[in-house]
């Protein structure tokens, strides 16, 4: 299942219509958040992880 981890603001959840690969810094027009594109995606993916996956990882 596709998830817009790079295009979604980890601060407010707004999804950009377009984000080129050459844009390395994420700028959110809605809330003003500015951070590294990959860090934004990583934060989004960490929050999106399925609860069963995070629960089994915590048990090991």
C-alpha atoms as a PDB file:
ATOM      1  CA  UNK A   1       0.000   0.000   0.000  1.00  0.00           C
ATOM      2  CA  UNK A   2       1.386   3.410  -1.027  1.00  0.00           C
ATOM      3  CA  UNK A   3       2.023   6.070   1.633  1.00  0.00           C
ATOM      4  CA  UNK A   4       3.201   9.628   0.759  1.00  0.00           C
ATOM      5  CA  UNK A   5       5.995   9.680   3.354  1.00  0.00           C
ATOM      6  CA  UNK A   6       8.068  12.332   1.574  1.00  0.00           C
ATOM      7  CA  UNK A   7       5.163  14.524   0.481  1.00  0.00           C
ATOM      8  CA  UNK A   8       3.304  14.504   3.828  1.00  0.00           C
ATOM      9  CA  UNK A   9       4.237  17.070   6.479  1.00  0.00           C
ATOM     10  CA  UNK A  10       5.144  15.261   9.704  1.00  0.00           C
ATOM     11  CA  UNK A  11       4.017  18.330  11.642  1.00  0.00           C
ATOM     12  CA  UNK A  12       0.500  18.990  10.348  1.00  0.00           C
ATOM     13  CA  UNK A  13      -0.242  16.166   7.892  1.00  0.00           C
ATOM     14  CA  UNK A  14      -0.644  18.328   4.796  1.00  0.00           C
ATOM     15  CA  UNK A  15       0.285  16.437   1.605  1.00  0.00           C
ATOM     16  CA  UNK A  16       2.077  18.312  -1.179  1.00  0.00           C
ATOM     17  CA  UNK A  17       0.736  17.745  -4.692  1.00  0.00           C
ATOM     18  CA  UNK A  18       4.280  17.667  -6.098  1.00  0.00           C
ATOM     19  CA  UNK A  19       7.755  17.242  -4.643  1.00  0.00           C
ATOM     20  CA  UNK A  20      10.669  16.701  -7.019  1.00  0.00           C
ATOM     21  CA  UNK A  21      13.591  14.467  -6.085  1.00  0.00           C
ATOM     22  CA  UNK A  22      15.916  17.476  -6.334  1.00  0.00           C
ATOM     23  CA  UNK A  23      14.098  19.181  -3.419  1.00  0.00           C
ATOM     24  CA  UNK A  24      16.175  17.995  -0.447  1.00  0.00           C
ATOM     25  CA  UNK A  25      14.627  20.335   2.131  1.00  0.00           C
ATOM     26  CA  UNK A  26      10.929  19.955   2.943  1.00  0.00           C
ATOM     27  CA  UNK A  27       9.032  23.256   3.302  1.00  0.00           C
ATOM     28  CA  UNK A  28       5.416  23.040   4.464  1.00  0.00           C
ATOM     29  CA  UNK A  29       3.295  25.915   3.191  1.00  0.00           C
ATOM     30  CA  UNK A  30       0.574  25.168   5.757  1.00  0.00           C
ATOM     31  CA  UNK A  31       2.441  25.151   9.082  1.00  0.00           C
ATOM     32  CA  UNK A  32       5.870  26.518   8.120  1.00  0.00           C
ATOM     33  CA  UNK A  33       7.845  23.382   9.042  1.00  0.00           C
ATOM     34  CA  UNK A  34      11.285  23.227   7.406  1.00  0.00           C
ATOM     35  CA  UNK A  35      13.498  20.146   7.685  1.00  0.00           C
ATOM     36  CA  UNK A  36      15.454  17.585   5.691  1.00  0.00           C
ATOM     37  CA  UNK A  37      13.213  15.705   3.259  1.00  0.00           C
ATOM     38  CA  UNK A  38      14.479  12.283   4.378  1.00  0.00           C
ATOM     39  CA  UNK A  39      14.006  13.109   8.065  1.00  0.00           C
ATOM     40  CA  UNK A  40      10.430  14.199   7.345  1.00  0.00           C
ATOM     41  CA  UNK A  41       9.794  10.887   5.546  1.00  0.00           C
ATOM     42  CA  UNK A  42      11.394   8.860   8.359  1.00  0.00           C
ATOM     43  CA  UNK A  43       9.223  10.540  10.998  1.00  0.00           C
ATOM     44  CA  UNK A  44       6.126   9.883   8.891  1.00  0.00           C
ATOM     45  CA  UNK A  45       7.027   6.220   8.386  1.00  0.00           C
ATOM     46  CA  UNK A  46       7.739   5.728  12.092  1.00  0.00           C
ATOM     47  CA  UNK A  47       4.304   7.071  12.941  1.00  0.00           C
ATOM     48  CA  UNK A  48       2.626   4.998  10.216  1.00  0.00           C
ATOM     49  CA  UNK A  49       4.107   1.642  11.266  1.00  0.00           C
ATOM     50  CA  UNK A  50       1.469  -0.976  11.948  1.00  0.00           C
ATOM     51  CA  UNK A  51       0.869  -1.491  15.712  1.00  0.00           C
ATOM     52  CA  UNK A  52       1.514  -5.245  15.397  1.00  0.00           C
ATOM     53  CA  UNK A  53       4.942  -4.572  13.901  1.00  0.00           C
ATOM     54  CA  UNK A  54       5.930  -2.132  16.640  1.00  0.00           C
ATOM     55  CA  UNK A  55       4.579  -4.468  19.345  1.00  0.00           C
ATOM     56  CA  UNK A  56       6.579  -7.461  18.099  1.00  0.00           C
ATOM     57  CA  UNK A  57       9.708  -5.330  17.773  1.00  0.00           C
ATOM     58  CA  UNK A  58       9.333  -4.177  21.388  1.00  0.00           C
ATOM     59  CA  UNK A  59       9.131  -7.790  22.581  1.00  0.00           C
ATOM     60  CA  UNK A  60      12.470  -8.814  21.052  1.00  0.00           C
END
